[in-house]
Amino acid sequence: MKKTKELQKVEDQFEMFQILDEKGKVVNKDAMPELSDEELKEMMTRMVYTRIWDQRAISLNRQGRLGFYAPVAGQEASMIGSQFALDEKDWILPGYRDIPQIYYHGLPLHQAFLWSRGHFKGGQVPEGVRIMLPQIIIGAQITQTAGVAMGLQKDGEKQIAITYTGDGGASQGDFYEGMNFAGAYNLPAVFIVQNNRFAISVPVEKQSAAKTIAQKAVAAGIHGEQVDGMDILAVYAATQKARERGVEGEGPTLLEFLTYRYGPHTMAGDDPTRYRTSEEDDEWEKKDPLVRFRKFLEDKKLWSEDEEEKIVEQAKEDIKAAIKEADGTAKQKVTDLIDITFSDEEPTNLQEQREYYEKKESK
């Protein structure tokens, strides 16, 4: 398709924002966020922890002990960096891959495992933890985020609602509707697209004629930016600015994080070797967010192999304990689901069903 000068002009505005290059060197000093040494180390700690968690979750899934799971390796910077920029009173509306963000926002680890198993107790979010449960319907969280952001605006809260989807989610109608609504009402919302290049198996180039996903913000009249999603400092800085715009009444932001998932789309039978080449995998492994940030911290004398090994062992212990707690949770029953669904008097037909299942469950 031949592009007009006007379209080319729009696309040229969306250059990728980056602070650290693939070798962990600072290439944009002016954009460096103000983070203490301890905060920098904490970001790395969380990425290492998440990588180990991901490896263990894949193993548990293969053993039949976990249930639904969408691997996250490769996307740690986009997940950890963005959540790190939030206030604890901000709302997160995640997609089904975004478990690390809601864990670090306050959801206990054993409940994350219970959610993966489909247990209702995995969805009983602790009081004061401002998250929604991971959305399975692709893109539905986008419109919901606009609604939550409107509630924050009406209540006069200086907080934002932030949501995550993949490049496939950006092809859904809900994506445009949610952004348009948020833009029309100048809502404190941040829409993050983790562009890992494949909506299950469809490459991003076949999903849209647009050069970037970030430029789709133009149609909604909101701010948009493309960010190196393998660079945790760039992710943090971009999210921090987007949050500031939201709480200061400057409206919503669309952030496109260029990233890559090293594993399959989910553990439900996807085989990435059928639609990705080994050369492409090798190219993106050179951009590994953990390797990049490790080099940066080592150059600053803030990181060592011994420190990382301690985090690895701690992650393994925490995961073991969380799985044990999840295993110790009573199996859910049909009557449990009736109890948590109806708070008032149950319909007659449901009372009959309850009696049926109570007899069945007592055997």
Protein backbone atom coordinates (compact mmCIF):
# COMPACT_ATOMS: atom_id res chain seq x y z
CA MET A 1 0.00 0.00 0.00
CA LYS A 2 1.32 3.40 -0.99
CA LYS A 3 1.34 5.72 2.00
CA THR A 4 0.37 9.38 1.72
CA LYS A 5 2.63 12.14 2.97
CA GLU A 6 0.14 12.82 5.76
CA LEU A 7 0.24 9.20 6.98
CA GLN A 8 4.02 9.07 6.72
CA LYS A 9 4.22 12.24 8.79
CA VAL A 10 2.13 10.63 11.54
CA GLU A 11 4.13 7.42 11.57
CA ASP A 12 7.45 9.26 11.70
CA GLN A 13 6.43 10.78 15.05
CA PHE A 14 6.49 7.40 16.78
CA GLU A 15 10.15 6.54 17.22
CA MET A 16 10.98 3.90 19.83
CA PHE A 17 11.88 5.34 23.23
CA GLN A 18 14.94 3.67 24.78
CA ILE A 19 17.31 4.34 27.68
CA LEU A 20 19.46 1.17 27.79
CA ASP A 21 20.73 -0.51 24.65
CA GLU A 22 21.14 -4.28 24.29
CA LYS A 23 24.55 -4.13 25.95
CA GLY A 24 23.20 -2.39 29.04
CA LYS A 25 24.71 0.98 28.13
CA VAL A 26 22.82 4.22 28.72
CA VAL A 27 22.00 5.82 25.36
CA ASN A 28 19.59 8.47 26.64
CA LYS A 29 20.99 10.11 29.78
CA ASP A 30 18.41 12.90 29.82
CA ALA A 31 15.59 10.35 30.14
CA MET A 32 17.12 8.43 33.07
CA PRO A 33 14.48 8.14 35.83
CA GLU A 34 15.34 9.15 39.38
CA LEU A 35 15.70 5.80 41.11
CA SER A 36 17.84 4.95 44.12
CA ASP A 37 20.36 2.11 44.02
CA GLU A 38 18.00 0.05 46.19
CA GLU A 39 15.11 0.65 43.80
CA LEU A 40 17.24 -0.40 40.84
CA LYS A 41 18.21 -3.60 42.64
CA GLU A 42 14.59 -4.26 43.58
CA MET A 43 13.55 -4.06 39.93
CA MET A 44 16.20 -6.62 39.00
CA THR A 45 15.20 -8.80 41.95
CA ARG A 46 11.62 -8.87 40.72
CA MET A 47 12.64 -9.75 37.17
CA VAL A 48 14.84 -12.63 38.32
CA TYR A 49 12.11 -13.83 40.69
CA THR A 50 9.54 -13.69 37.88
CA ARG A 51 11.77 -15.66 35.49
CA ILE A 52 12.17 -18.45 38.06
CA TRP A 53 8.45 -18.36 38.83
CA ASP A 54 7.73 -18.70 35.11
CA GLN A 55 10.03 -21.71 34.75
CA ARG A 56 8.44 -23.41 37.75
CA ALA A 57 4.91 -22.63 36.57
CA ILE A 58 5.61 -24.24 33.19
CA SER A 59 6.89 -27.35 34.97
CA LEU A 60 3.83 -27.47 37.26
CA ASN A 61 1.54 -27.10 34.26
CA ARG A 62 3.19 -30.04 32.51
CA GLN A 63 2.70 -32.11 35.67
CA GLY A 64 -1.02 -31.29 35.64
CA ARG A 65 -0.73 -29.37 38.91
CA LEU A 66 -1.41 -25.82 37.77
CA GLY A 67 -4.08 -25.44 35.10
CA PHE A 68 -4.16 -22.55 32.63
CA TYR A 69 -0.86 -20.71 32.24
CA ALA A 70 0.51 -18.14 29.79
CA PRO A 71 4.35 -17.96 29.95
CA VAL A 72 5.96 -14.57 30.58
CA ALA A 73 9.71 -15.07 29.94
CA GLY A 74 10.97 -12.20 27.79
CA GLN A 75 8.27 -9.81 28.95
CA GLU A 76 9.58 -9.24 32.49
CA ALA A 77 10.75 -5.67 31.81
CA SER A 78 7.42 -4.54 30.39
CA MET A 79 5.54 -6.13 33.30
CA ILE A 80 7.79 -5.28 36.25
CA GLY A 81 8.88 -1.85 35.04
CA SER A 82 5.35 -0.61 34.46
CA GLN A 83 3.95 -1.91 37.76
CA PHE A 84 6.93 -0.43 39.63
CA ALA A 85 5.87 3.03 38.44
CA LEU A 86 2.41 2.75 40.03
CA ASP A 87 0.99 3.87 43.33
CA GLU A 88 -0.57 1.13 45.47
CA LYS A 89 -3.96 2.83 45.12
CA ASP A 90 -3.90 2.71 41.32
CA TRP A 91 -6.09 0.07 39.70
CA ILE A 92 -4.67 -2.72 37.53
CA LEU A 93 -6.90 -4.50 35.02
CA PRO A 94 -4.74 -7.36 33.69
CA GLY A 95 -4.94 -9.77 30.82
CA TYR A 96 -4.41 -13.46 31.46
CA ARG A 97 -0.61 -13.23 31.06
CA ASP A 98 -0.28 -10.39 33.54
CA ILE A 99 -0.07 -12.30 36.81
CA PRO A 100 3.29 -10.83 37.92
CA GLN A 101 1.88 -7.28 37.95
CA ILE A 102 -1.06 -8.16 40.20
CA TYR A 103 1.18 -10.26 42.46
CA TYR A 104 3.45 -7.27 43.05
CA HIS A 105 0.36 -5.12 43.52
CA GLY A 106 -0.80 -7.28 46.43
CA LEU A 107 -2.35 -10.58 45.32
CA PRO A 108 -0.83 -13.44 47.40
CA LEU A 109 1.15 -15.94 45.35
CA HIS A 110 -0.90 -18.96 46.41
CA GLN A 111 -4.03 -17.20 45.18
CA ALA A 112 -2.41 -16.65 41.80
CA PHE A 113 -1.94 -20.42 41.60
CA LEU A 114 -5.53 -21.02 42.71
CA TRP A 115 -6.77 -18.65 40.01
CA SER A 116 -4.83 -20.64 37.43
CA ARG A 117 -6.59 -23.77 38.67
CA GLY A 118 -10.00 -22.12 38.35
CA HIS A 119 -10.64 -22.15 42.09
CA PHE A 120 -12.98 -19.41 43.32
CA LYS A 121 -10.69 -18.58 46.24
CA GLY A 122 -8.09 -17.46 43.73
CA GLY A 123 -10.45 -14.63 42.89
CA GLN A 124 -11.14 -13.44 46.42
CA VAL A 125 -8.89 -10.42 46.26
CA PRO A 126 -7.72 -9.15 49.68
CA GLU A 127 -9.36 -5.97 50.96
CA GLY A 128 -7.56 -2.86 49.74
CA VAL A 129 -5.76 -4.54 46.82
CA ARG A 130 -6.83 -2.60 43.76
CA ILE A 131 -6.83 -5.17 41.00
CA MET A 132 -9.38 -6.85 38.80
CA LEU A 133 -9.00 -10.53 38.01
CA PRO A 134 -7.13 -11.44 34.81
CA GLN A 135 -9.40 -11.01 31.81
CA ILE A 136 -9.73 -14.03 29.53
CA ILE A 137 -11.76 -12.26 26.84
CA ILE A 138 -9.23 -10.55 24.57
CA GLY A 139 -9.51 -6.77 24.86
CA ALA A 140 -12.49 -6.65 27.24
CA GLN A 141 -10.30 -5.12 29.95
CA ILE A 142 -9.77 -2.06 27.74
CA THR A 143 -13.38 -0.87 27.98
CA GLN A 144 -13.52 -1.86 31.65
CA THR A 145 -10.46 0.29 32.32
CA ALA A 146 -12.22 3.31 30.86
CA GLY A 147 -15.07 2.65 33.29
CA VAL A 148 -12.80 2.31 36.33
CA ALA A 149 -10.93 5.47 35.29
CA MET A 150 -14.22 7.36 35.06
CA GLY A 151 -15.08 6.21 38.58
CA LEU A 152 -11.74 7.52 39.85
CA GLN A 153 -12.34 10.82 38.10
CA LYS A 154 -15.84 11.20 39.54
CA ASP A 155 -14.60 10.35 43.03
CA GLY A 156 -11.87 12.95 42.76
CA GLU A 157 -9.09 10.42 43.37
CA LYS A 158 -5.59 11.24 42.15
CA GLN A 159 -5.07 7.70 40.85
CA ILE A 160 -5.10 5.95 37.49
CA ALA A 161 -6.48 2.77 36.01
CA ILE A 162 -3.95 0.82 33.97
CA THR A 163 -4.52 -2.16 31.73
CA TYR A 164 -2.52 -4.58 29.63
CA THR A 165 -3.16 -6.44 26.41
CA GLY A 166 -1.07 -7.91 23.61
CA ASP A 167 -0.75 -6.89 19.98
CA GLY A 168 -3.69 -9.17 19.22
CA GLY A 169 -5.80 -7.22 21.70
CA ALA A 170 -5.05 -4.06 19.71
CA SER A 171 -6.96 -5.62 16.80
CA GLN A 172 -10.16 -5.94 18.84
CA GLY A 173 -13.08 -3.53 18.69
CA ASP A 174 -12.96 -3.08 22.47
CA PHE A 175 -9.49 -1.60 22.09
CA TYR A 176 -10.72 1.32 20.00
CA GLU A 177 -13.94 1.76 21.95
CA GLY A 178 -12.17 1.90 25.31
CA MET A 179 -9.52 4.38 24.15
CA ASN A 180 -12.08 6.56 22.38
CA PHE A 181 -14.30 6.72 25.47
CA ALA A 182 -11.32 7.49 27.72
CA GLY A 183 -10.16 10.22 25.36
CA ALA A 184 -13.63 11.78 25.05
CA TYR A 185 -13.92 12.09 28.82
CA ASN A 186 -10.24 12.89 29.47
CA LEU A 187 -9.94 9.95 31.86
CA PRO A 188 -6.91 8.96 34.01
CA ALA A 189 -6.25 5.72 32.11
CA VAL A 190 -3.10 4.07 30.77
CA PHE A 191 -3.46 1.45 28.04
CA ILE A 192 -0.44 -0.80 27.62
CA VAL A 193 0.02 -3.01 24.59
CA GLN A 194 2.76 -5.56 25.08
CA ASN A 195 3.60 -6.12 21.44
CA ASN A 196 5.30 -9.52 21.50
CA ARG A 197 4.86 -9.71 17.72
CA PHE A 198 2.45 -12.64 17.56
CA ALA A 199 -1.25 -12.76 18.46
CA ILE A 200 -0.98 -16.48 19.24
CA SER A 201 0.45 -17.23 15.78
CA VAL A 202 -0.51 -14.24 13.61
CA PRO A 203 2.44 -11.85 13.09
CA VAL A 204 1.76 -8.22 13.93
CA GLU A 205 2.47 -7.19 10.32
CA LYS A 206 -0.58 -9.17 9.18
CA GLN A 207 -2.87 -7.71 11.83
CA SER A 208 -2.66 -4.08 10.77
CA ALA A 209 -1.29 -1.85 8.03
CA ALA A 210 -0.16 0.61 10.69
CA LYS A 211 3.59 0.85 11.17
CA THR A 212 3.14 1.05 14.96
CA ILE A 213 0.38 0.30 17.43
CA ALA A 214 1.26 3.51 19.30
CA GLN A 215 0.07 5.66 16.40
CA LYS A 216 -3.48 4.35 16.91
CA ALA A 217 -3.66 6.80 19.80
CA VAL A 218 -3.97 9.61 17.25
CA ALA A 219 -7.46 8.50 16.19
CA ALA A 220 -8.60 8.57 19.83
CA GLY A 221 -7.04 12.00 20.40
CA ILE A 222 -4.79 10.76 23.21
CA HIS A 223 -1.06 10.61 23.83
CA GLY A 224 0.74 7.59 22.37
CA GLU A 225 4.30 6.34 22.61
CA GLN A 226 6.33 3.35 21.42
CA VAL A 227 8.82 2.02 23.98
CA ASP A 228 11.58 -0.58 24.02
CA GLY A 229 9.77 -3.18 26.13
CA MET A 230 13.00 -5.08 26.81
CA ASP A 231 14.44 -2.01 28.58
CA ILE A 232 13.03 -1.82 32.11
CA LEU A 233 14.22 1.76 32.65
CA ALA A 234 12.46 2.99 29.50
CA VAL A 235 9.32 1.11 30.50
CA TYR A 236 9.39 2.61 33.99
CA ALA A 237 10.03 6.16 32.75
CA ALA A 238 7.29 6.00 30.10
CA THR A 239 4.74 4.58 32.54
CA GLN A 240 5.66 7.13 35.20
CA LYS A 241 5.05 10.00 32.76
CA ALA A 242 1.80 8.44 31.57
CA ARG A 243 0.65 8.16 35.18
CA GLU A 244 1.56 11.77 35.86
CA ARG A 245 -0.47 12.89 32.85
CA GLY A 246 -3.44 10.92 34.13
CA VAL A 247 -3.45 12.23 37.70
CA GLU A 248 -2.82 15.81 36.54
CA GLY A 249 -5.93 15.78 34.36
CA GLU A 250 -4.06 15.56 31.05
CA GLY A 251 -5.94 12.48 29.89
CA PRO A 252 -5.16 8.89 28.91
CA THR A 253 -2.06 7.40 27.30
CA LEU A 254 -1.43 4.48 24.97
CA LEU A 255 1.96 2.81 25.46
CA GLU A 256 3.24 0.21 23.02
CA PHE A 257 6.01 -1.92 24.54
CA LEU A 258 8.06 -3.77 21.93
CA THR A 259 8.82 -7.11 23.55
CA TYR A 260 8.97 -10.84 22.86
CA ARG A 261 7.72 -13.95 24.58
CA TYR A 262 10.34 -16.67 24.58
CA GLY A 263 7.84 -19.46 25.21
CA PRO A 264 4.48 -20.44 23.69
CA HIS A 265 1.38 -18.24 23.75
CA THR A 266 -0.06 -20.49 26.46
CA MET A 267 0.62 -24.02 27.71
CA ALA A 268 -2.61 -25.20 26.06
CA GLY A 269 -0.94 -26.77 23.04
CA ASP A 270 0.67 -23.82 21.25
CA ASP A 271 3.86 -24.65 19.33
CA PRO A 272 5.78 -21.46 18.45
CA THR A 273 8.19 -23.32 16.17
CA ARG A 274 5.34 -23.54 13.65
CA TYR A 275 5.23 -19.78 13.13
CA ARG A 276 8.58 -18.41 14.38
CA THR A 277 12.06 -19.06 13.07
CA SER A 278 15.05 -19.98 15.21
CA GLU A 279 16.85 -16.95 13.74
CA GLU A 280 14.13 -14.67 15.10
CA ASP A 281 14.31 -16.32 18.51
CA ASP A 282 18.10 -15.87 18.55
CA GLU A 283 17.79 -12.21 17.61
CA TRP A 284 15.42 -11.49 20.50
CA GLU A 285 17.41 -13.54 23.01
CA LYS A 286 20.22 -11.01 22.51
CA LYS A 287 17.77 -8.40 23.80
CA ASP A 288 16.89 -10.36 26.96
CA PRO A 289 15.71 -7.81 29.55
CA LEU A 290 17.46 -9.61 32.42
CA VAL A 291 20.81 -9.80 30.63
CA ARG A 292 20.61 -6.13 29.65
CA PHE A 293 19.75 -4.83 33.10
CA ARG A 294 22.23 -7.17 34.79
CA LYS A 295 25.05 -5.67 32.74
CA PHE A 296 23.89 -2.18 33.67
CA LEU A 297 23.84 -2.98 37.39
CA GLU A 298 27.15 -4.83 37.30
CA ASP A 299 28.80 -1.80 35.69
CA LYS A 300 27.49 0.26 38.63
CA LYS A 301 28.81 -2.36 41.11
CA LEU A 302 25.24 -2.99 42.30
CA TRP A 303 24.85 -6.65 41.34
CA SER A 304 26.67 -9.93 41.75
CA GLU A 305 26.22 -13.58 40.90
CA ASP A 306 25.90 -14.43 44.61
CA GLU A 307 23.07 -11.93 45.07
CA GLU A 308 21.21 -13.33 42.11
CA GLU A 309 21.61 -16.90 43.33
CA LYS A 310 20.04 -15.95 46.66
CA ILE A 311 17.03 -14.53 44.83
CA VAL A 312 16.73 -17.68 42.73
CA GLU A 313 16.71 -19.87 45.84
CA GLN A 314 14.23 -17.57 47.61
CA ALA A 315 11.90 -17.71 44.61
CA LYS A 316 12.03 -21.50 44.58
CA GLU A 317 11.23 -21.65 48.30
CA ASP A 318 8.37 -19.15 48.01
CA ILE A 319 6.85 -21.00 45.08
CA LYS A 320 7.13 -24.32 46.88
CA ALA A 321 5.36 -22.86 49.92
CA ALA A 322 2.67 -21.18 47.80
CA ILE A 323 1.91 -24.40 45.92
CA LYS A 324 1.70 -26.27 49.22
CA GLU A 325 -0.79 -23.69 50.50
CA ALA A 326 -2.80 -23.93 47.28
CA ASP A 327 -2.77 -27.74 47.50
CA GLY A 328 -4.08 -27.48 51.06
CA THR A 329 -7.10 -25.45 50.01
CA ALA A 330 -10.33 -27.45 50.14
CA LYS A 331 -11.59 -28.48 46.74
CA GLN A 332 -14.41 -26.29 45.54
CA LYS A 333 -17.91 -27.72 45.38
CA VAL A 334 -20.98 -26.74 43.39
CA THR A 335 -22.66 -25.69 46.63
CA ASP A 336 -19.72 -23.36 47.34
CA LEU A 337 -20.39 -21.60 44.06
CA ILE A 338 -24.06 -21.20 44.96
CA ASP A 339 -23.10 -19.75 48.35
CA ILE A 340 -20.77 -17.11 46.93
CA THR A 341 -23.11 -16.17 44.06
CA PHE A 342 -26.31 -15.50 46.00
CA SER A 343 -26.33 -13.37 49.15
CA ASP A 344 -30.12 -13.17 49.46
CA GLU A 345 -32.80 -15.84 49.24
CA GLU A 346 -32.10 -18.35 46.50
CA PRO A 347 -34.59 -18.96 43.66
CA THR A 348 -36.75 -22.08 44.14
CA ASN A 349 -35.17 -23.96 41.28
CA LEU A 350 -31.71 -23.28 42.72
CA GLN A 351 -32.78 -24.55 46.14
CA GLU A 352 -33.75 -27.81 44.45
CA GLN A 353 -30.36 -27.97 42.74
CA ARG A 354 -28.62 -27.27 46.03
CA GLU A 355 -30.41 -30.21 47.67
CA TYR A 356 -29.37 -32.43 44.76
CA TYR A 357 -25.71 -31.42 44.98
CA GLU A 358 -25.58 -31.57 48.77
CA LYS A 359 -26.63 -35.22 48.57
CA LYS A 360 -24.13 -35.86 45.80
CA GLU A 361 -21.27 -34.13 47.64
CA SER A 362 -21.96 -35.94 50.91
CA LYS A 363 -21.28 -39.36 49.36
